[in-house]
Each structure stands twice: as C-alpha cells, then as structure tokens.
Amino acid sequence: MRILVFESNLMWSSRLLQSLRKLGHEPVLMSKAPESGDGAEAAIVNLGATDLDPVALAAKLHELEIPVVAHAGHKEKELHALGREAGVDILATNSELTFKLESLLDRIQSGRLDRG
C-alpha cells in the first residue's frame, strides 16, 4: 500500500518509514498536502506537527479519497479533539501507531474506519 506520511520530527519519521517498509508498504514522506492522490491508499498525519493544519490537510486528503490515520500523544486531549473535528478516519495514540501499526493499516484496507 502506498502511504503518505506527514511528519516533521526527523527521528519519529525515520522510524515510521522503516516500520512501514518492513510491513511491505511504500511510504512517501510529505511536507504539504498533495495536489493529486498519486496512487496513495492511506495517509498518516501527526496532529502535533506545528507546520501543518491538520483540519485542512484531512479535508484535502478526503477530497482526494485518501483515508487518514491521525495520531498524537495519549495525554494530548486537545489534539485528539482536533482530529475528531477534522473527521480523520482513524484516531490513534503515538503508542498505538508504534505498536499496532499493522492492525491500524488493516482497518484502512478493510474499511473499518472511525468516521461516518
């Protein structure tokens, strides 16, 4: 699966990209919203990234029919609320993204999403 990754933390992004590759996916690190879907089947968005507007980004990705997995720290309640406001497809904690990445992506592939 081709997955767009929106992550500005270099250490976190390199670990995430490596994990995605090990699971057999094709990750593409992004710094801004794409103009087209370009074959992407999912996107992972860090709600805590200071250089992104997660609500606008999620809207653009949904416009391109790309499901969104968004994540933030488990204590960052305001960021989780922002993810719900943005209508992301799956809202996860950072630890869930680390330890349950495969099952989160399985949910995308099977259509078991949080939003509508």
PDB file of N, CA and C in Angstrom:
ATOM      1  N   MET A   1       0.846  -1.164   0.000  1.00  0.00           N
ATOM      2  CA  MET A   1       0.000   0.000   0.000  1.00  0.00           C
ATOM      3  C   MET A   1       0.905   1.244   0.000  1.00  0.00           C
ATOM      4  N   ARG A   2       0.561   2.208  -0.830  1.00  0.00           N
ATOM      5  CA  ARG A   2       1.301   3.483  -0.876  1.00  0.00           C
ATOM      6  C   ARG A   2       0.712   4.395   0.205  1.00  0.00           C
ATOM      7  N   ILE A   3       1.557   4.867   1.119  1.00  0.00           N
ATOM      8  CA  ILE A   3       1.099   5.640   2.273  1.00  0.00           C
ATOM      9  C   ILE A   3       1.840   6.971   2.349  1.00  0.00           C
ATOM     10  N   LEU A   4       1.083   8.057   2.379  1.00  0.00           N
ATOM     11  CA  LEU A   4       1.661   9.386   2.551  1.00  0.00           C
ATOM     12  C   LEU A   4       1.867   9.616   4.035  1.00  0.00           C
ATOM     13  N   VAL A   5       3.046  10.082   4.417  1.00  0.00           N
ATOM     14  CA  VAL A   5       3.390  10.299   5.821  1.00  0.00           C
ATOM     15  C   VAL A   5       3.671  11.785   6.025  1.00  0.00           C
ATOM     16  N   PHE A   6       2.877  12.408   6.896  1.00  0.00           N
ATOM     17  CA  PHE A   6       3.035  13.823   7.222  1.00  0.00           C
ATOM     18  C   PHE A   6       3.612  13.911   8.624  1.00  0.00           C
ATOM     19  N   GLU A   7       4.921  14.064   8.695  1.00  0.00           N
ATOM     20  CA  GLU A   7       5.650  14.026   9.966  1.00  0.00           C
ATOM     21  C   GLU A   7       6.873  14.917   9.858  1.00  0.00           C
ATOM     22  N   SER A   8       6.995  15.889  10.765  1.00  0.00           N
ATOM     23  CA  SER A   8       8.145  16.796  10.705  1.00  0.00           C
ATOM     24  C   SER A   8       9.264  16.410  11.669  1.00  0.00           C
ATOM     25  N   ASN A   9       8.994  15.513  12.606  1.00  0.00           N
ATOM     26  CA  ASN A   9      10.019  15.064  13.550  1.00  0.00           C
ATOM     27  C   ASN A   9      10.901  14.036  12.849  1.00  0.00           C
ATOM     28  N   LEU A  10      12.162  14.381  12.627  1.00  0.00           N
ATOM     29  CA  LEU A  10      13.068  13.529  11.855  1.00  0.00           C
ATOM     30  C   LEU A  10      13.234  12.143  12.465  1.00  0.00           C
ATOM     31  N   MET A  11      13.390  12.076  13.769  1.00  0.00           N
ATOM     32  CA  MET A  11      13.586  10.777  14.424  1.00  0.00           C
ATOM     33  C   MET A  11      12.335   9.906  14.304  1.00  0.00           C
ATOM     34  N   TRP A  12      11.183  10.488  14.586  1.00  0.00           N
ATOM     35  CA  TRP A  12       9.916   9.751  14.515  1.00  0.00           C
ATOM     36  C   TRP A  12       9.640   9.342  13.069  1.00  0.00           C
ATOM     37  N   SER A  13       9.873  10.246  12.105  1.00  0.00           N
ATOM     38  CA  SER A  13       9.565   9.931  10.711  1.00  0.00           C
ATOM     39  C   SER A  13      10.434   8.795  10.184  1.00  0.00           C
ATOM     40  N   SER A  14      11.722   8.785  10.533  1.00  0.00           N
ATOM     41  CA  SER A  14      12.589   7.710  10.029  1.00  0.00           C
ATOM     42  C   SER A  14      12.165   6.356  10.596  1.00  0.00           C
ATOM     43  N   ARG A  15      11.764   6.321  11.859  1.00  0.00           N
ATOM     44  CA  ARG A  15      11.287   5.063  12.458  1.00  0.00           C
ATOM     45  C   ARG A  15       9.981   4.608  11.813  1.00  0.00           C
ATOM     46  N   LEU A  16       9.086   5.561  11.572  1.00  0.00           N
ATOM     47  CA  LEU A  16       7.806   5.233  10.964  1.00  0.00           C
ATOM     48  C   LEU A  16       7.987   4.735   9.533  1.00  0.00           C
ATOM     49  N   LEU A  17       8.823   5.409   8.763  1.00  0.00           N
ATOM     50  CA  LEU A  17       9.081   4.975   7.387  1.00  0.00           C
ATOM     51  C   LEU A  17       9.684   3.575   7.364  1.00  0.00           C
ATOM     52  N   GLN A  18      10.626   3.308   8.260  1.00  0.00           N
ATOM     53  CA  GLN A  18      11.249   1.991   8.340  1.00  0.00           C
ATOM     54  C   GLN A  18      10.207   0.919   8.703  1.00  0.00           C
ATOM     55  N   SER A  19       9.350   1.208   9.652  1.00  0.00           N
ATOM     56  CA  SER A  19       8.310   0.251  10.049  1.00  0.00           C
ATOM     57  C   SER A  19       7.358  -0.038   8.897  1.00  0.00           C
ATOM     58  N   LEU A  20       6.973   0.990   8.182  1.00  0.00           N
ATOM     59  CA  LEU A  20       6.066   0.806   7.046  1.00  0.00           C
ATOM     60  C   LEU A  20       6.714  -0.057   5.964  1.00  0.00           C
ATOM     61  N   ARG A  21       7.990   0.197   5.681  1.00  0.00           N
ATOM     62  CA  ARG A  21       8.699  -0.619   4.677  1.00  0.00           C
ATOM     63  C   ARG A  21       8.772  -2.083   5.108  1.00  0.00           C
ATOM     64  N   LYS A  22       9.060  -2.309   6.400  1.00  0.00           N
ATOM     65  CA  LYS A  22       9.136  -3.683   6.909  1.00  0.00           C
ATOM     66  C   LYS A  22       7.815  -4.413   6.768  1.00  0.00           C
ATOM     67  N   LEU A  23       6.712  -3.665   6.834  1.00  0.00           N
ATOM     68  CA  LEU A  23       5.393  -4.268   6.671  1.00  0.00           C
ATOM     69  C   LEU A  23       5.006  -4.432   5.200  1.00  0.00           C
ATOM     70  N   GLY A  24       5.900  -4.030   4.298  1.00  0.00           N
ATOM     71  CA  GLY A  24       5.670  -4.209   2.874  1.00  0.00           C
ATOM     72  C   GLY A  24       4.965  -3.055   2.184  1.00  0.00           C
ATOM     73  N   HIS A  25       4.902  -1.904   2.841  1.00  0.00           N
ATOM     74  CA  HIS A  25       4.231  -0.740   2.268  1.00  0.00           C
ATOM     75  C   HIS A  25       5.240   0.204   1.620  1.00  0.00           C
ATOM     76  N   GLU A  26       4.725   1.124   0.836  1.00  0.00           N
ATOM     77  CA  GLU A  26       5.553   2.136   0.176  1.00  0.00           C
ATOM     78  C   GLU A  26       5.262   3.497   0.810  1.00  0.00           C
ATOM     79  N   PRO A  27       6.045   3.910   1.809  1.00  0.00           N
ATOM     80  CA  PRO A  27       5.814   5.208   2.437  1.00  0.00           C
ATOM     81  C   PRO A  27       6.422   6.347   1.631  1.00  0.00           C
ATOM     82  N   VAL A  28       5.730   7.488   1.642  1.00  0.00           N
ATOM     83  CA  VAL A  28       6.218   8.692   0.972  1.00  0.00           C
ATOM     84  C   VAL A  28       6.122   9.830   1.987  1.00  0.00           C
ATOM     85  N   LEU A  29       7.264  10.368   2.395  1.00  0.00           N
ATOM     86  CA  LEU A  29       7.293  11.463   3.357  1.00  0.00           C
ATOM     87  C   LEU A  29       6.872  12.752   2.659  1.00  0.00           C
ATOM     88  N   MET A  30       5.895  13.433   3.256  1.00  0.00           N
ATOM     89  CA  MET A  30       5.330  14.644   2.659  1.00  0.00           C
ATOM     90  C   MET A  30       5.480  15.820   3.620  1.00  0.00           C
ATOM     91  N   SER A  31       5.590  17.010   3.063  1.00  0.00           N
ATOM     92  CA  SER A  31       5.666  18.207   3.901  1.00  0.00           C
ATOM     93  C   SER A  31       4.462  19.130   3.695  1.00  0.00           C
ATOM     94  N   LYS A  32       3.657  18.841   2.662  1.00  0.00           N
ATOM     95  CA  LYS A  32       2.447  19.623   2.408  1.00  0.00           C
ATOM     96  C   LYS A  32       1.423  18.732   1.705  1.00  0.00           C
ATOM     97  N   ALA A  33       0.210  19.215   1.662  1.00  0.00           N
ATOM     98  CA  ALA A  33      -0.869  18.443   1.042  1.00  0.00           C
ATOM     99  C   ALA A  33      -0.579  18.219  -0.442  1.00  0.00           C
ATOM    100  N   PRO A  34      -0.858  17.025  -0.931  1.00  0.00           N
ATOM    101  CA  PRO A  34      -0.615  16.739  -2.345  1.00  0.00           C
ATOM    102  C   PRO A  34      -1.687  17.389  -3.222  1.00  0.00           C
ATOM    103  N   GLU A  35      -1.357  17.606  -4.471  1.00  0.00           N
ATOM    104  CA  GLU A  35      -2.325  18.142  -5.436  1.00  0.00           C
ATOM    105  C   GLU A  35      -3.213  17.033  -5.985  1.00  0.00           C
ATOM    106  N   SER A  36      -2.663  15.810  -6.024  1.00  0.00           N
ATOM    107  CA  SER A  36      -3.431  14.670  -6.509  1.00  0.00           C
ATOM    108  C   SER A  36      -3.158  13.482  -5.586  1.00  0.00           C
ATOM    109  N   GLY A  37      -4.003  12.478  -5.694  1.00  0.00           N
ATOM    110  CA  GLY A  37      -3.843  11.288  -4.863  1.00  0.00           C
ATOM    111  C   GLY A  37      -2.599  10.495  -5.191  1.00  0.00           C
ATOM    112  N   ASP A  38      -2.165  10.539  -6.441  1.00  0.00           N
ATOM    113  CA  ASP A  38      -0.933   9.901  -6.890  1.00  0.00           C
ATOM    114  C   ASP A  38      -0.816   8.453  -6.427  1.00  0.00           C
ATOM    115  N   GLY A  39      -1.938   7.738  -6.421  1.00  0.00           N
ATOM    116  CA  GLY A  39      -1.916   6.320  -6.074  1.00  0.00           C
ATOM    117  C   GLY A  39      -1.858   6.018  -4.591  1.00  0.00           C
ATOM    118  N   ALA A  40      -1.943   7.042  -3.737  1.00  0.00           N
ATOM    119  CA  ALA A  40      -1.886   6.810  -2.286  1.00  0.00           C
ATOM    120  C   ALA A  40      -3.163   6.121  -1.823  1.00  0.00           C
ATOM    121  N   GLU A  41      -2.994   5.145  -0.937  1.00  0.00           N
ATOM    122  CA  GLU A  41      -4.139   4.413  -0.401  1.00  0.00           C
ATOM    123  C   GLU A  41      -4.429   4.782   1.053  1.00  0.00           C
ATOM    124  N   ALA A  42      -3.524   5.556   1.664  1.00  0.00           N
ATOM    125  CA  ALA A  42      -3.715   5.999   3.043  1.00  0.00           C
ATOM    126  C   ALA A  42      -2.728   7.119   3.329  1.00  0.00           C
ATOM    127  N   ALA A  43      -3.009   7.842   4.423  1.00  0.00           N
ATOM    128  CA  ALA A  43      -2.101   8.878   4.898  1.00  0.00           C
ATOM    129  C   ALA A  43      -2.003   8.781   6.411  1.00  0.00           C
ATOM    130  N   ILE A  44      -0.828   9.072   6.930  1.00  0.00           N
ATOM    131  CA  ILE A  44      -0.599   9.131   8.369  1.00  0.00           C
ATOM    132  C   ILE A  44      -0.208  10.565   8.699  1.00  0.00           C
ATOM    133  N   VAL A  45      -0.957  11.178   9.626  1.00  0.00           N
ATOM    134  CA  VAL A  45      -0.764  12.582   9.957  1.00  0.00           C
ATOM    135  C   VAL A  45      -0.484  12.724  11.445  1.00  0.00           C
ATOM    136  N   ASN A  46       0.596  13.425  11.773  1.00  0.00           N
ATOM    137  CA  ASN A  46       0.910  13.745  13.166  1.00  0.00           C
ATOM    138  C   ASN A  46       0.138  15.011  13.521  1.00  0.00           C
ATOM    139  N   LEU A  47      -0.842  14.882  14.420  1.00  0.00           N
ATOM    140  CA  LEU A  47      -1.655  16.031  14.810  1.00  0.00           C
ATOM    141  C   LEU A  47      -0.849  17.082  15.560  1.00  0.00           C
ATOM    142  N   GLY A  48       0.302  16.706  16.087  1.00  0.00           N
ATOM    143  CA  GLY A  48       1.142  17.635  16.825  1.00  0.00           C
ATOM    144  C   GLY A  48       2.154  18.365  15.981  1.00  0.00           C
ATOM    145  N   ALA A  49       2.202  18.096  14.695  1.00  0.00           N
ATOM    146  CA  ALA A  49       3.158  18.779  13.812  1.00  0.00           C
ATOM    147  C   ALA A  49       2.793  20.256  13.734  1.00  0.00           C
ATOM    148  N   THR A  50       3.736  21.107  14.037  1.00  0.00           N
ATOM    149  CA  THR A  50       3.467  22.545  14.081  1.00  0.00           C
ATOM    150  C   THR A  50       3.427  23.194  12.701  1.00  0.00           C
ATOM    151  N   ASP A  51       3.906  22.499  11.683  1.00  0.00           N
ATOM    152  CA  ASP A  51       3.957  23.082  10.346  1.00  0.00           C
ATOM    153  C   ASP A  51       2.764  22.691   9.477  1.00  0.00           C
ATOM    154  N   LEU A  52       1.761  22.012  10.074  1.00  0.00           N
ATOM    155  CA  LEU A  52       0.598  21.564   9.317  1.00  0.00           C
ATOM    156  C   LEU A  52      -0.685  22.067   9.959  1.00  0.00           C
ATOM    157  N   ASP A  53      -1.706  22.251   9.155  1.00  0.00           N
ATOM    158  CA  ASP A  53      -3.060  22.490   9.648  1.00  0.00           C
ATOM    159  C   ASP A  53      -3.797  21.168   9.447  1.00  0.00           C
ATOM    160  N   PRO A  54      -3.923  20.350  10.508  1.00  0.00           N
ATOM    161  CA  PRO A  54      -4.485  19.018  10.339  1.00  0.00           C
ATOM    162  C   PRO A  54      -5.921  19.004   9.817  1.00  0.00           C
ATOM    163  N   VAL A  55      -6.718  20.015  10.152  1.00  0.00           N
ATOM    164  CA  VAL A  55      -8.099  20.060   9.674  1.00  0.00           C
ATOM    165  C   VAL A  55      -8.117  20.272   8.157  1.00  0.00           C
ATOM    166  N   ALA A  56      -7.354  21.236   7.676  1.00  0.00           N
ATOM    167  CA  ALA A  56      -7.281  21.495   6.234  1.00  0.00           C
ATOM    168  C   ALA A  56      -6.645  20.317   5.494  1.00  0.00           C
ATOM    169  N   LEU A  57      -5.620  19.739   6.088  1.00  0.00           N
ATOM    170  CA  LEU A  57      -4.950  18.606   5.462  1.00  0.00           C
ATOM    171  C   LEU A  57      -5.897  17.414   5.341  1.00  0.00           C
ATOM    172  N   ALA A  58      -6.617  17.097   6.415  1.00  0.00           N
ATOM    173  CA  ALA A  58      -7.569  15.977   6.368  1.00  0.00           C
ATOM    174  C   ALA A  58      -8.648  16.235   5.321  1.00  0.00           C
ATOM    175  N   ALA A  59      -9.122  17.466   5.236  1.00  0.00           N
ATOM    176  CA  ALA A  59     -10.142  17.805   4.235  1.00  0.00           C
ATOM    177  C   ALA A  59      -9.604  17.579   2.824  1.00  0.00           C
ATOM    178  N   LYS A  60      -8.381  18.015   2.569  1.00  0.00           N
ATOM    179  CA  LYS A  60      -7.776  17.830   1.244  1.00  0.00           C
ATOM    180  C   LYS A  60      -7.587  16.352   0.932  1.00  0.00           C
ATOM    181  N   LEU A  61      -7.091  15.582   1.913  1.00  0.00           N
ATOM    182  CA  LEU A  61      -6.887  14.149   1.696  1.00  0.00           C
ATOM    183  C   LEU A  61      -8.215  13.444   1.453  1.00  0.00           C
ATOM    184  N   HIS A  62      -9.255  13.822   2.176  1.00  0.00           N
ATOM    185  CA  HIS A  62     -10.575  13.220   1.945  1.00  0.00           C
ATOM    186  C   HIS A  62     -11.113  13.596   0.569  1.00  0.00           C
ATOM    187  N   GLU A  63     -10.847  14.829   0.137  1.00  0.00           N
ATOM    188  CA  GLU A  63     -11.230  15.262  -1.207  1.00  0.00           C
ATOM    189  C   GLU A  63     -10.585  14.354  -2.257  1.00  0.00           C
ATOM    190  N   LEU A  64      -9.366  13.918  -1.963  1.00  0.00           N
ATOM    191  CA  LEU A  64      -8.636  13.019  -2.878  1.00  0.00           C
ATOM    192  C   LEU A  64      -8.963  11.542  -2.614  1.00  0.00           C
ATOM    193  N   GLU A  65      -9.909  11.303  -1.688  1.00  0.00           N
ATOM    194  CA  GLU A  65     -10.354   9.952  -1.327  1.00  0.00           C
ATOM    195  C   GLU A  65      -9.231   9.111  -0.718  1.00  0.00           C
ATOM    196  N   ILE A  66      -8.401   9.772   0.115  1.00  0.00           N
ATOM    197  CA  ILE A  66      -7.313   9.098   0.821  1.00  0.00           C
ATOM    198  C   ILE A  66      -7.687   9.023   2.297  1.00  0.00           C
ATOM    199  N   PRO A  67      -7.857   7.814   2.839  1.00  0.00           N
ATOM    200  CA  PRO A  67      -8.169   7.679   4.266  1.00  0.00           C
ATOM    201  C   PRO A  67      -7.017   8.185   5.127  1.00  0.00           C
ATOM    202  N   VAL A  68      -7.375   8.771   6.284  1.00  0.00           N
ATOM    203  CA  VAL A  68      -6.396   9.412   7.153  1.00  0.00           C
ATOM    204  C   VAL A  68      -6.328   8.721   8.512  1.00  0.00           C
ATOM    205  N   VAL A  69      -5.110   8.300   8.878  1.00  0.00           N
ATOM    206  CA  VAL A  69      -4.808   7.847  10.232  1.00  0.00           C
ATOM    207  C   VAL A  69      -4.074   9.010  10.886  1.00  0.00           C
ATOM    208  N   ALA A  70      -4.646   9.570  11.959  1.00  0.00           N
ATOM    209  CA  ALA A  70      -4.013  10.687  12.650  1.00  0.00           C
ATOM    210  C   ALA A  70      -3.607  10.238  14.043  1.00  0.00           C
ATOM    211  N   HIS A  71      -2.509  10.812  14.551  1.00  0.00           N
ATOM    212  CA  HIS A  71      -2.026  10.390  15.869  1.00  0.00           C
ATOM    213  C   HIS A  71      -1.500  11.560  16.674  1.00  0.00           C
ATOM    214  N   ALA A  72      -1.531  11.359  17.996  1.00  0.00           N
ATOM    215  CA  ALA A  72      -0.985  12.319  18.958  1.00  0.00           C
ATOM    216  C   ALA A  72      -0.722  11.552  20.244  1.00  0.00           C
ATOM    217  N   GLY A  73      -0.008  12.166  21.159  1.00  0.00           N
ATOM    218  CA  GLY A  73       0.261  11.544  22.451  1.00  0.00           C
ATOM    219  C   GLY A  73      -1.026  11.269  23.208  1.00  0.00           C
ATOM    220  N   HIS A  74      -1.038  10.241  24.030  1.00  0.00           N
ATOM    221  CA  HIS A  74      -2.273   9.842  24.717  1.00  0.00           C
ATOM    222  C   HIS A  74      -2.775  10.906  25.692  1.00  0.00           C
ATOM    223  N   LYS A  75      -1.919  11.787  26.161  1.00  0.00           N
ATOM    224  CA  LYS A  75      -2.339  12.859  27.069  1.00  0.00           C
ATOM    225  C   LYS A  75      -2.691  14.157  26.330  1.00  0.00           C
ATOM    226  N   GLU A  76      -2.496  14.183  25.040  1.00  0.00           N
ATOM    227  CA  GLU A  76      -2.750  15.391  24.248  1.00  0.00           C
ATOM    228  C   GLU A  76      -4.214  15.428  23.807  1.00  0.00           C
ATOM    229  N   LYS A  77      -5.088  15.591  24.769  1.00  0.00           N
ATOM    230  CA  LYS A  77      -6.536  15.535  24.534  1.00  0.00           C
ATOM    231  C   LYS A  77      -7.003  16.571  23.527  1.00  0.00           C
ATOM    232  N   GLU A  78      -6.400  17.768  23.564  1.00  0.00           N
ATOM    233  CA  GLU A  78      -6.813  18.811  22.626  1.00  0.00           C
ATOM    234  C   GLU A  78      -6.479  18.427  21.188  1.00  0.00           C
ATOM    235  N   LEU A  79      -5.386  17.690  20.990  1.00  0.00           N
ATOM    236  CA  LEU A  79      -5.040  17.238  19.639  1.00  0.00           C
ATOM    237  C   LEU A  79      -5.972  16.117  19.182  1.00  0.00           C
ATOM    238  N   HIS A  80      -6.369  15.248  20.100  1.00  0.00           N
ATOM    239  CA  HIS A  80      -7.344  14.205  19.744  1.00  0.00           C
ATOM    240  C   HIS A  80      -8.681  14.847  19.371  1.00  0.00           C
ATOM    241  N   ALA A  81      -9.080  15.901  20.092  1.00  0.00           N
ATOM    242  CA  ALA A  81     -10.304  16.628  19.760  1.00  0.00           C
ATOM    243  C   ALA A  81     -10.182  17.268  18.376  1.00  0.00           C
ATOM    244  N   LEU A  82      -9.004  17.797  18.070  1.00  0.00           N
ATOM    245  CA  LEU A  82      -8.757  18.377  16.757  1.00  0.00           C
ATOM    246  C   LEU A  82      -8.887  17.315  15.663  1.00  0.00           C
ATOM    247  N   GLY A  83      -8.376  16.116  15.931  1.00  0.00           N
ATOM    248  CA  GLY A  83      -8.506  15.018  14.973  1.00  0.00           C
ATOM    249  C   GLY A  83      -9.959  14.643  14.728  1.00  0.00           C
ATOM    250  N   ARG A  84     -10.754  14.611  15.800  1.00  0.00           N
ATOM    251  CA  ARG A  84     -12.186  14.318  15.641  1.00  0.00           C
ATOM    252  C   ARG A  84     -12.861  15.418  14.833  1.00  0.00           C
ATOM    253  N   GLU A  85     -12.500  16.677  15.141  1.00  0.00           N
ATOM    254  CA  GLU A  85     -13.049  17.814  14.400  1.00  0.00           C
ATOM    255  C   GLU A  85     -12.693  17.714  12.915  1.00  0.00           C
ATOM    256  N   ALA A  86     -11.491  17.254  12.635  1.00  0.00           N
ATOM    257  CA  ALA A  86     -11.029  17.124  11.250  1.00  0.00           C
ATOM    258  C   ALA A  86     -11.688  15.952  10.533  1.00  0.00           C
ATOM    259  N   GLY A  87     -12.350  15.067  11.289  1.00  0.00           N
ATOM    260  CA  GLY A  87     -13.019  13.926  10.669  1.00  0.00           C
ATOM    261  C   GLY A  87     -12.068  12.864  10.159  1.00  0.00           C
ATOM    262  N   VAL A  88     -10.935  12.698  10.864  1.00  0.00           N
ATOM    263  CA  VAL A  88      -9.988  11.676  10.412  1.00  0.00           C
ATOM    264  C   VAL A  88     -10.638  10.298  10.468  1.00  0.00           C
ATOM    265  N   ASP A  89     -10.134   9.387   9.681  1.00  0.00           N
ATOM    266  CA  ASP A  89     -10.732   8.057   9.582  1.00  0.00           C
ATOM    267  C   ASP A  89     -10.385   7.169  10.760  1.00  0.00           C
ATOM    268  N   ILE A  90      -9.166   7.288  11.250  1.00  0.00           N
ATOM    269  CA  ILE A  90      -8.721   6.538  12.427  1.00  0.00           C
ATOM    270  C   ILE A  90      -7.900   7.482  13.291  1.00  0.00           C
ATOM    271  N   LEU A  91      -8.258   7.571  14.564  1.00  0.00           N
ATOM    272  CA  LEU A  91      -7.545   8.404  15.515  1.00  0.00           C
ATOM    273  C   LEU A  91      -6.794   7.480  16.464  1.00  0.00           C
ATOM    274  N   ALA A  92      -5.478   7.659  16.561  1.00  0.00           N
ATOM    275  CA  ALA A  92      -4.636   6.760  17.355  1.00  0.00           C
ATOM    276  C   ALA A  92      -3.706   7.555  18.258  1.00  0.00           C
ATOM    277  N   THR A  93      -3.251   6.888  19.301  1.00  0.00           N
ATOM    278  CA  THR A  93      -2.202   7.480  20.129  1.00  0.00           C
ATOM    279  C   THR A  93      -0.859   7.162  19.467  1.00  0.00           C
ATOM    280  N   ASN A  94       0.177   7.862  19.889  1.00  0.00           N
ATOM    281  CA  ASN A  94       1.513   7.582  19.353  1.00  0.00           C
ATOM    282  C   ASN A  94       1.916   6.143  19.631  1.00  0.00           C
ATOM    283  N   SER A  95       1.595   5.629  20.823  1.00  0.00           N
ATOM    284  CA  SER A  95       1.982   4.252  21.147  1.00  0.00           C
ATOM    285  C   SER A  95       1.206   3.252  20.295  1.00  0.00           C
ATOM    286  N   GLU A  96      -0.057   3.545  19.993  1.00  0.00           N
ATOM    287  CA  GLU A  96      -0.806   2.653  19.098  1.00  0.00           C
ATOM    288  C   GLU A  96      -0.173   2.644  17.715  1.00  0.00           C
ATOM    289  N   LEU A  97       0.261   3.803  17.256  1.00  0.00           N
ATOM    290  CA  LEU A  97       0.911   3.868  15.950  1.00  0.00           C
ATOM    291  C   LEU A  97       2.202   3.052  15.957  1.00  0.00           C
ATOM    292  N   THR A  98       2.914   3.088  17.079  1.00  0.00           N
ATOM    293  CA  THR A  98       4.168   2.345  17.193  1.00  0.00           C
ATOM    294  C   THR A  98       3.934   0.839  17.281  1.00  0.00           C
ATOM    295  N   PHE A  99       3.019   0.432  18.156  1.00  0.00           N
ATOM    296  CA  PHE A  99       2.870  -0.989  18.454  1.00  0.00           C
ATOM    297  C   PHE A  99       1.735  -1.687  17.704  1.00  0.00           C
ATOM    298  N   LYS A 100       0.833  -0.933  17.114  1.00  0.00           N
ATOM    299  CA  LYS A 100      -0.312  -1.532  16.422  1.00  0.00           C
ATOM    300  C   LYS A 100      -0.451  -1.020  14.990  1.00  0.00           C
ATOM    301  N   LEU A 101       0.656  -0.595  14.408  1.00  0.00           N
ATOM    302  CA  LEU A 101       0.628  -0.021  13.070  1.00  0.00           C
ATOM    303  C   LEU A 101      -0.017  -0.962  12.062  1.00  0.00           C
ATOM    304  N   GLU A 102       0.364  -2.211  12.105  1.00  0.00           N
ATOM    305  CA  GLU A 102      -0.167  -3.173  11.132  1.00  0.00           C
ATOM    306  C   GLU A 102      -1.685  -3.296  11.246  1.00  0.00           C
ATOM    307  N   SER A 103      -2.210  -3.387  12.455  1.00  0.00           N
ATOM    308  CA  SER A 103      -3.662  -3.530  12.612  1.00  0.00           C
ATOM    309  C   SER A 103      -4.397  -2.241  12.224  1.00  0.00           C
ATOM    310  N   LEU A 104      -3.779  -1.071  12.465  1.00  0.00           N
ATOM    311  CA  LEU A 104      -4.392   0.178  12.024  1.00  0.00           C
ATOM    312  C   LEU A 104      -4.504   0.213  10.501  1.00  0.00           C
ATOM    313  N   LEU A 105      -3.457  -0.215   9.821  1.00  0.00           N
ATOM    314  CA  LEU A 105      -3.480  -0.239   8.354  1.00  0.00           C
ATOM    315  C   LEU A 105      -4.427  -1.309   7.828  1.00  0.00           C
ATOM    316  N   ASP A 106      -4.550  -2.416   8.547  1.00  0.00           N
ATOM    317  CA  ASP A 106      -5.535  -3.440   8.176  1.00  0.00           C
ATOM    318  C   ASP A 106      -6.945  -2.867   8.230  1.00  0.00           C
ATOM    319  N   ARG A 107      -7.188  -2.014   9.234  1.00  0.00           N
ATOM    320  CA  ARG A 107      -8.503  -1.366   9.341  1.00  0.00           C
ATOM    321  C   ARG A 107      -8.773  -0.487   8.128  1.00  0.00           C
ATOM    322  N   ILE A 108      -7.760   0.213   7.651  1.00  0.00           N
ATOM    323  CA  ILE A 108      -7.922   1.041   6.447  1.00  0.00           C
ATOM    324  C   ILE A 108      -8.289   0.147   5.266  1.00  0.00           C
ATOM    325  N   GLN A 109      -7.527  -0.931   5.093  1.00  0.00           N
ATOM    326  CA  GLN A 109      -7.753  -1.811   3.945  1.00  0.00           C
ATOM    327  C   GLN A 109      -9.121  -2.496   3.999  1.00  0.00           C
ATOM    328  N   SER A 110      -9.611  -2.779   5.198  1.00  0.00           N
ATOM    329  CA  SER A 110     -10.902  -3.462   5.320  1.00  0.00           C
ATOM    330  C   SER A 110     -12.078  -2.498   5.431  1.00  0.00           C
ATOM    331  N   GLY A 111     -11.785  -1.181   5.494  1.00  0.00           N
ATOM    332  CA  GLY A 111     -12.844  -0.192   5.570  1.00  0.00           C
ATOM    333  C   GLY A 111     -13.443   0.010   6.947  1.00  0.00           C
ATOM    334  N   ARG A 112     -12.782  -0.500   8.004  1.00  0.00           N
ATOM    335  CA  ARG A 112     -13.275  -0.320   9.385  1.00  0.00           C
ATOM    336  C   ARG A 112     -12.742   0.997   9.926  1.00  0.00           C
ATOM    337  N   LEU A 113     -13.445   2.067   9.621  1.00  0.00           N
ATOM    338  CA  LEU A 113     -12.984   3.403   9.950  1.00  0.00           C
ATOM    339  C   LEU A 113     -13.806   3.999  11.082  1.00  0.00           C
ATOM    340  N   ASP A 114     -13.242   5.007  11.749  1.00  0.00           N
ATOM    341  CA  ASP A 114     -13.915   5.667  12.867  1.00  0.00           C
ATOM    342  C   ASP A 114     -14.988   6.643  12.396  1.00  0.00           C
ATOM    343  N   ARG A 115     -14.730   7.322  11.317  1.00  0.00           N
ATOM    344  CA  ARG A 115     -15.688   8.354  10.899  1.00  0.00           C
ATOM    345  C   ARG A 115     -16.742   7.757   9.974  1.00  0.00           C
ATOM    346  N   GLY A 116     -17.909   8.415   9.984  1.00  0.00           N
ATOM    347  CA  GLY A 116     -19.073   8.116   9.198  1.00  0.00           C
ATOM    348  C   GLY A 116     -18.998   6.978   8.315  1.00  0.00           C
TER     349      GLY A 116
END
